[in-house]
Amino acid sequence: SVNFAEFFLTLTGAAAFAAVVGSTAWPL
């Protein structure tokens, strides 16, 4: 349950980070 919920948290966090941080993170 924790692992499956983690995907939705990760997806939300990644989308929010992408909107703020931009493309500078892609090499990492």
PDB file of all heavy atoms in Angstrom:
ATOM      1  N   SER A   1       0.823  -1.211   0.000  1.00  0.00           N
ATOM      2  CA  SER A   1       0.000   0.000   0.000  1.00  0.00           C
ATOM      3  C   SER A   1       0.855   1.258   0.000  1.00  0.00           C
ATOM      4  O   SER A   1       0.580   2.219  -0.725  1.00  0.00           O
ATOM      5  CB  SER A   1      -0.935   0.004   1.219  1.00  0.00           C
ATOM      6  OG  SER A   1      -1.756  -1.144   1.232  1.00  0.00           O
ATOM      7  N   VAL A   2       1.908   1.262   0.833  1.00  0.00           N
ATOM      8  CA  VAL A   2       2.800   2.423   0.902  1.00  0.00           C
ATOM      9  C   VAL A   2       3.526   2.609  -0.425  1.00  0.00           C
ATOM     10  O   VAL A   2       3.672   3.736  -0.915  1.00  0.00           O
ATOM     11  CB  VAL A   2       3.801   2.255   2.057  1.00  0.00           C
ATOM     12  CG1 VAL A   2       4.861   3.365   2.010  1.00  0.00           C
ATOM     13  CG2 VAL A   2       3.074   2.295   3.395  1.00  0.00           C
ATOM     14  N   ASN A   3       3.976   1.529  -1.041  1.00  0.00           N
ATOM     15  CA  ASN A   3       4.672   1.626  -2.327  1.00  0.00           C
ATOM     16  C   ASN A   3       3.759   2.137  -3.429  1.00  0.00           C
ATOM     17  O   ASN A   3       4.166   2.951  -4.269  1.00  0.00           O
ATOM     18  CB  ASN A   3       5.237   0.261  -2.726  1.00  0.00           C
ATOM     19  CG  ASN A   3       6.635   0.037  -2.188  1.00  0.00           C
ATOM     20  OD1 ASN A   3       7.433   0.947  -2.122  1.00  0.00           O
ATOM     21  ND2 ASN A   3       6.928  -1.176  -1.783  1.00  0.00           N
ATOM     22  N   PHE A   4       2.509   1.651  -3.462  1.00  0.00           N
ATOM     23  CA  PHE A   4       1.592   2.086  -4.516  1.00  0.00           C
ATOM     24  C   PHE A   4       1.227   3.553  -4.328  1.00  0.00           C
ATOM     25  O   PHE A   4       1.176   4.325  -5.295  1.00  0.00           O
ATOM     26  CB  PHE A   4       0.338   1.217  -4.511  1.00  0.00           C
ATOM     27  CG  PHE A   4      -0.465   1.298  -5.785  1.00  0.00           C
ATOM     28  CD1 PHE A   4       0.094   1.773  -6.957  1.00  0.00           C
ATOM     29  CD2 PHE A   4      -1.797   0.892  -5.808  1.00  0.00           C
ATOM     30  CE1 PHE A   4      -0.637   1.843  -8.133  1.00  0.00           C
ATOM     31  CE2 PHE A   4      -2.537   0.954  -6.975  1.00  0.00           C
ATOM     32  CZ  PHE A   4      -1.960   1.445  -8.136  1.00  0.00           C
ATOM     33  N   ALA A   5       0.988   3.965  -3.074  1.00  0.00           N
ATOM     34  CA  ALA A   5       0.687   5.371  -2.808  1.00  0.00           C
ATOM     35  C   ALA A   5       1.870   6.253  -3.178  1.00  0.00           C
ATOM     36  O   ALA A   5       1.700   7.402  -3.612  1.00  0.00           O
ATOM     37  CB  ALA A   5       0.313   5.551  -1.339  1.00  0.00           C
ATOM     38  N   GLU A   6       3.078   5.716  -3.030  1.00  0.00           N
ATOM     39  CA  GLU A   6       4.279   6.497  -3.321  1.00  0.00           C
ATOM     40  C   GLU A   6       4.323   6.950  -4.775  1.00  0.00           C
ATOM     41  O   GLU A   6       4.840   8.034  -5.078  1.00  0.00           O
ATOM     42  CB  GLU A   6       5.535   5.684  -2.992  1.00  0.00           C
ATOM     43  CG  GLU A   6       6.820   6.478  -3.119  1.00  0.00           C
ATOM     44  CD  GLU A   6       8.054   5.658  -2.770  1.00  0.00           C
ATOM     45  OE1 GLU A   6       7.927   4.424  -2.639  1.00  0.00           O
ATOM     46  OE2 GLU A   6       9.133   6.260  -2.630  1.00  0.00           O
ATOM     47  N   PHE A   7       3.786   6.145  -5.693  1.00  0.00           N
ATOM     48  CA  PHE A   7       3.784   6.565  -7.091  1.00  0.00           C
ATOM     49  C   PHE A   7       3.016   7.864  -7.275  1.00  0.00           C
ATOM     50  O   PHE A   7       3.475   8.784  -7.969  1.00  0.00           O
ATOM     51  CB  PHE A   7       3.172   5.485  -7.995  1.00  0.00           C
ATOM     52  CG  PHE A   7       2.822   6.015  -9.366  1.00  0.00           C
ATOM     53  CD1 PHE A   7       3.818   6.273 -10.291  1.00  0.00           C
ATOM     54  CD2 PHE A   7       1.503   6.275  -9.713  1.00  0.00           C
ATOM     55  CE1 PHE A   7       3.507   6.782 -11.549  1.00  0.00           C
ATOM     56  CE2 PHE A   7       1.183   6.784 -10.960  1.00  0.00           C
ATOM     57  CZ  PHE A   7       2.188   7.037 -11.882  1.00  0.00           C
ATOM     58  N   PHE A   8       1.844   7.966  -6.667  1.00  0.00           N
ATOM     59  CA  PHE A   8       1.020   9.160  -6.831  1.00  0.00           C
ATOM     60  C   PHE A   8       1.669  10.375  -6.172  1.00  0.00           C
ATOM     61  O   PHE A   8       1.574  11.491  -6.677  1.00  0.00           O
ATOM     62  CB  PHE A   8      -0.372   8.898  -6.264  1.00  0.00           C
ATOM     63  CG  PHE A   8      -1.132   7.852  -7.015  1.00  0.00           C
ATOM     64  CD1 PHE A   8      -1.032   6.505  -6.665  1.00  0.00           C
ATOM     65  CD2 PHE A   8      -1.910   8.189  -8.105  1.00  0.00           C
ATOM     66  CE1 PHE A   8      -1.714   5.533  -7.369  1.00  0.00           C
ATOM     67  CE2 PHE A   8      -2.590   7.219  -8.825  1.00  0.00           C
ATOM     68  CZ  PHE A   8      -2.496   5.893  -8.461  1.00  0.00           C
ATOM     69  N   LEU A   9       2.349  10.149  -5.051  1.00  0.00           N
ATOM     70  CA  LEU A   9       3.099  11.236  -4.424  1.00  0.00           C
ATOM     71  C   LEU A   9       4.267  11.664  -5.311  1.00  0.00           C
ATOM     72  O   LEU A   9       4.521  12.859  -5.490  1.00  0.00           O
ATOM     73  CB  LEU A   9       3.642  10.786  -3.064  1.00  0.00           C
ATOM     74  CG  LEU A   9       2.741  10.974  -1.847  1.00  0.00           C
ATOM     75  CD1 LEU A   9       1.491  10.092  -1.933  1.00  0.00           C
ATOM     76  CD2 LEU A   9       3.501  10.643  -0.560  1.00  0.00           C
ATOM     77  N   THR A  10       4.966  10.672  -5.855  1.00  0.00           N
ATOM     78  CA  THR A  10       6.114  10.972  -6.718  1.00  0.00           C
ATOM     79  C   THR A  10       5.673  11.702  -7.971  1.00  0.00           C
ATOM     80  O   THR A  10       6.321  12.662  -8.406  1.00  0.00           O
ATOM     81  CB  THR A  10       6.827   9.661  -7.106  1.00  0.00           C
ATOM     82  OG1 THR A  10       7.263   8.994  -5.921  1.00  0.00           O
ATOM     83  CG2 THR A  10       8.036   9.943  -7.980  1.00  0.00           C
ATOM     84  N   LEU A  11       4.567  11.265  -8.569  1.00  0.00           N
ATOM     85  CA  LEU A  11       4.045  11.909  -9.771  1.00  0.00           C
ATOM     86  C   LEU A  11       3.669  13.359  -9.477  1.00  0.00           C
ATOM     87  O   LEU A  11       3.989  14.269 -10.250  1.00  0.00           O
ATOM     88  CB  LEU A  11       2.827  11.135 -10.286  1.00  0.00           C
ATOM     89  CG  LEU A  11       2.197  11.649 -11.582  1.00  0.00           C
ATOM     90  CD1 LEU A  11       3.187  11.520 -12.733  1.00  0.00           C
ATOM     91  CD2 LEU A  11       0.925  10.853 -11.897  1.00  0.00           C
ATOM     92  N   THR A  12       2.987  13.580  -8.348  1.00  0.00           N
ATOM     93  CA  THR A  12       2.603  14.937  -7.956  1.00  0.00           C
ATOM     94  C   THR A  12       3.834  15.797  -7.707  1.00  0.00           C
ATOM     95  O   THR A  12       3.922  16.936  -8.190  1.00  0.00           O
ATOM     96  CB  THR A  12       1.741  14.897  -6.679  1.00  0.00           C
ATOM     97  OG1 THR A  12       0.579  14.110  -6.918  1.00  0.00           O
ATOM     98  CG2 THR A  12       1.325  16.297  -6.268  1.00  0.00           C
ATOM     99  N   GLY A  13       4.787  15.255  -6.942  1.00  0.00           N
ATOM    100  CA  GLY A  13       5.990  16.008  -6.641  1.00  0.00           C
ATOM    101  C   GLY A  13       6.809  16.317  -7.890  1.00  0.00           C
ATOM    102  O   GLY A  13       7.314  17.436  -8.054  1.00  0.00           O
ATOM    103  N   ALA A  14       6.935  15.329  -8.785  1.00  0.00           N
ATOM    104  CA  ALA A  14       7.716  15.531 -10.003  1.00  0.00           C
ATOM    105  C   ALA A  14       7.084  16.608 -10.880  1.00  0.00           C
ATOM    106  O   ALA A  14       7.789  17.451 -11.451  1.00  0.00           O
ATOM    107  CB  ALA A  14       7.827  14.214 -10.776  1.00  0.00           C
ATOM    108  N   ALA A  15       5.746  16.589 -10.994  1.00  0.00           N
ATOM    109  CA  ALA A  15       5.058  17.606 -11.797  1.00  0.00           C
ATOM    110  C   ALA A  15       5.250  18.994 -11.199  1.00  0.00           C
ATOM    111  O   ALA A  15       5.506  19.969 -11.921  1.00  0.00           O
ATOM    112  CB  ALA A  15       3.570  17.270 -11.888  1.00  0.00           C
ATOM    113  N   ALA A  16       5.128  19.092  -9.878  1.00  0.00           N
ATOM    114  CA  ALA A  16       5.315  20.386  -9.214  1.00  0.00           C
ATOM    115  C   ALA A  16       6.754  20.869  -9.361  1.00  0.00           C
ATOM    116  O   ALA A  16       7.003  22.047  -9.642  1.00  0.00           O
ATOM    117  CB  ALA A  16       4.939  20.272  -7.737  1.00  0.00           C
ATOM    118  N   PHE A  17       7.718  19.968  -9.189  1.00  0.00           N
ATOM    119  CA  PHE A  17       9.126  20.340  -9.343  1.00  0.00           C
ATOM    120  C   PHE A  17       9.423  20.763 -10.782  1.00  0.00           C
ATOM    121  O   PHE A  17      10.167  21.725 -11.014  1.00  0.00           O
ATOM    122  CB  PHE A  17      10.035  19.183  -8.948  1.00  0.00           C
ATOM    123  CG  PHE A  17      10.316  19.092  -7.482  1.00  0.00           C
ATOM    124  CD1 PHE A  17      10.007  17.945  -6.765  1.00  0.00           C
ATOM    125  CD2 PHE A  17      10.911  20.146  -6.807  1.00  0.00           C
ATOM    126  CE1 PHE A  17      10.272  17.851  -5.406  1.00  0.00           C
ATOM    127  CE2 PHE A  17      11.182  20.065  -5.447  1.00  0.00           C
ATOM    128  CZ  PHE A  17      10.861  18.916  -4.747  1.00  0.00           C
ATOM    129  N   ALA A  18       8.864  20.035 -11.760  1.00  0.00           N
ATOM    130  CA  ALA A  18       9.107  20.356 -13.164  1.00  0.00           C
ATOM    131  C   ALA A  18       8.601  21.753 -13.496  1.00  0.00           C
ATOM    132  O   ALA A  18       9.221  22.486 -14.276  1.00  0.00           O
ATOM    133  CB  ALA A  18       8.437  19.321 -14.065  1.00  0.00           C
ATOM    134  N   ALA A  19       7.462  22.127 -12.896  1.00  0.00           N
ATOM    135  CA  ALA A  19       6.903  23.452 -13.154  1.00  0.00           C
ATOM    136  C   ALA A  19       7.761  24.557 -12.563  1.00  0.00           C
ATOM    137  O   ALA A  19       7.820  25.671 -13.104  1.00  0.00           O
ATOM    138  CB  ALA A  19       5.486  23.531 -12.583  1.00  0.00           C
ATOM    139  N   VAL A  20       8.454  24.257 -11.470  1.00  0.00           N
ATOM    140  CA  VAL A  20       9.234  25.285 -10.770  1.00  0.00           C
ATOM    141  C   VAL A  20      10.701  25.248 -11.165  1.00  0.00           C
ATOM    142  O   VAL A  20      11.316  26.270 -11.483  1.00  0.00           O
ATOM    143  CB  VAL A  20       9.101  25.126  -9.240  1.00  0.00           C
ATOM    144  CG1 VAL A  20       9.952  26.167  -8.521  1.00  0.00           C
ATOM    145  CG2 VAL A  20       7.643  25.248  -8.813  1.00  0.00           C
ATOM    146  N   VAL A  21      11.287  24.042 -11.151  1.00  0.00           N
ATOM    147  CA  VAL A  21      12.718  23.895 -11.406  1.00  0.00           C
ATOM    148  C   VAL A  21      13.034  23.952 -12.890  1.00  0.00           C
ATOM    149  O   VAL A  21      14.082  24.446 -13.300  1.00  0.00           O
ATOM    150  CB  VAL A  21      13.237  22.574 -10.792  1.00  0.00           C
ATOM    151  CG1 VAL A  21      14.709  22.363 -11.116  1.00  0.00           C
ATOM    152  CG2 VAL A  21      13.031  22.584  -9.287  1.00  0.00           C
ATOM    153  N   GLY A  22      12.109  23.420 -13.718  1.00  0.00           N
ATOM    154  CA  GLY A  22      12.317  23.432 -15.161  1.00  0.00           C
ATOM    155  C   GLY A  22      13.170  22.276 -15.640  1.00  0.00           C
ATOM    156  O   GLY A  22      13.215  21.218 -15.015  1.00  0.00           O
ATOM    157  N   SER A  23      13.876  22.474 -16.745  1.00  0.00           N
ATOM    158  CA  SER A  23      14.613  21.385 -17.402  1.00  0.00           C
ATOM    159  C   SER A  23      16.028  21.203 -16.869  1.00  0.00           C
ATOM    160  O   SER A  23      16.751  20.330 -17.343  1.00  0.00           O
ATOM    161  CB  SER A  23      14.689  21.660 -18.915  1.00  0.00           C
ATOM    162  OG  SER A  23      15.347  22.896 -19.165  1.00  0.00           O
ATOM    163  N   THR A  24      16.437  22.013 -15.888  1.00  0.00           N
ATOM    164  CA  THR A  24      17.813  21.917 -15.401  1.00  0.00           C
ATOM    165  C   THR A  24      18.103  20.586 -14.718  1.00  0.00           C
ATOM    166  O   THR A  24      19.262  20.217 -14.553  1.00  0.00           O
ATOM    167  CB  THR A  24      18.102  23.059 -14.406  1.00  0.00           C
ATOM    168  OG1 THR A  24      17.129  22.997 -13.350  1.00  0.00           O
ATOM    169  CG2 THR A  24      18.019  24.413 -15.092  1.00  0.00           C
ATOM    170  N   ALA A  25      17.059  19.869 -14.297  1.00  0.00           N
ATOM    171  CA  ALA A  25      17.269  18.628 -13.559  1.00  0.00           C
ATOM    172  C   ALA A  25      17.432  17.418 -14.468  1.00  0.00           C
ATOM    173  O   ALA A  25      17.828  16.350 -13.981  1.00  0.00           O
ATOM    174  CB  ALA A  25      16.103  18.389 -12.599  1.00  0.00           C
ATOM    175  N   TRP A  26      17.155  17.532 -15.755  1.00  0.00           N
ATOM    176  CA  TRP A  26      17.100  16.347 -16.604  1.00  0.00           C
ATOM    177  C   TRP A  26      18.404  15.561 -16.688  1.00  0.00           C
ATOM    178  O   TRP A  26      18.381  14.328 -16.682  1.00  0.00           O
ATOM    179  CB  TRP A  26      16.596  16.704 -18.006  1.00  0.00           C
ATOM    180  CG  TRP A  26      15.133  16.983 -18.000  1.00  0.00           C
ATOM    181  CD1 TRP A  26      14.512  18.169 -18.258  1.00  0.00           C
ATOM    182  CD2 TRP A  26      14.071  16.070 -17.672  1.00  0.00           C
ATOM    183  NE1 TRP A  26      13.155  18.050 -18.103  1.00  0.00           N
ATOM    184  CE2 TRP A  26      12.853  16.782 -17.753  1.00  0.00           C
ATOM    185  CE3 TRP A  26      14.052  14.728 -17.314  1.00  0.00           C
ATOM    186  CZ2 TRP A  26      11.628  16.178 -17.495  1.00  0.00           C
ATOM    187  CZ3 TRP A  26      12.829  14.125 -17.057  1.00  0.00           C
ATOM    188  CH2 TRP A  26      11.637  14.854 -17.151  1.00  0.00           C
ATOM    189  N   PRO A  27      19.589  16.198 -16.766  1.00  0.00           N
ATOM    190  CA  PRO A  27      20.817  15.385 -16.765  1.00  0.00           C
ATOM    191  C   PRO A  27      20.944  14.525 -15.513  1.00  0.00           C
ATOM    192  O   PRO A  27      21.348  13.360 -15.592  1.00  0.00           O
ATOM    193  CB  PRO A  27      21.928  16.446 -16.832  1.00  0.00           C
ATOM    194  CG  PRO A  27      21.290  17.607 -17.513  1.00  0.00           C
ATOM    195  CD  PRO A  27      19.878  17.624 -17.006  1.00  0.00           C
ATOM    196  N   LEU A  28      20.590  15.073 -14.351  1.00  0.00           N
ATOM    197  CA  LEU A  28      20.631  14.296 -13.119  1.00  0.00           C
ATOM    198  C   LEU A  28      19.585  13.194 -13.136  1.00  0.00           C
ATOM    199  O   LEU A  28      19.842  12.069 -12.699  1.00  0.00           O
ATOM    200  CB  LEU A  28      20.407  15.209 -11.907  1.00  0.00           C
ATOM    201  CG  LEU A  28      21.498  16.238 -11.604  1.00  0.00           C
ATOM    202  CD1 LEU A  28      21.106  17.085 -10.396  1.00  0.00           C
ATOM    203  CD2 LEU A  28      22.835  15.558 -11.361  1.00  0.00           C
TER     204      LEU A  28
END
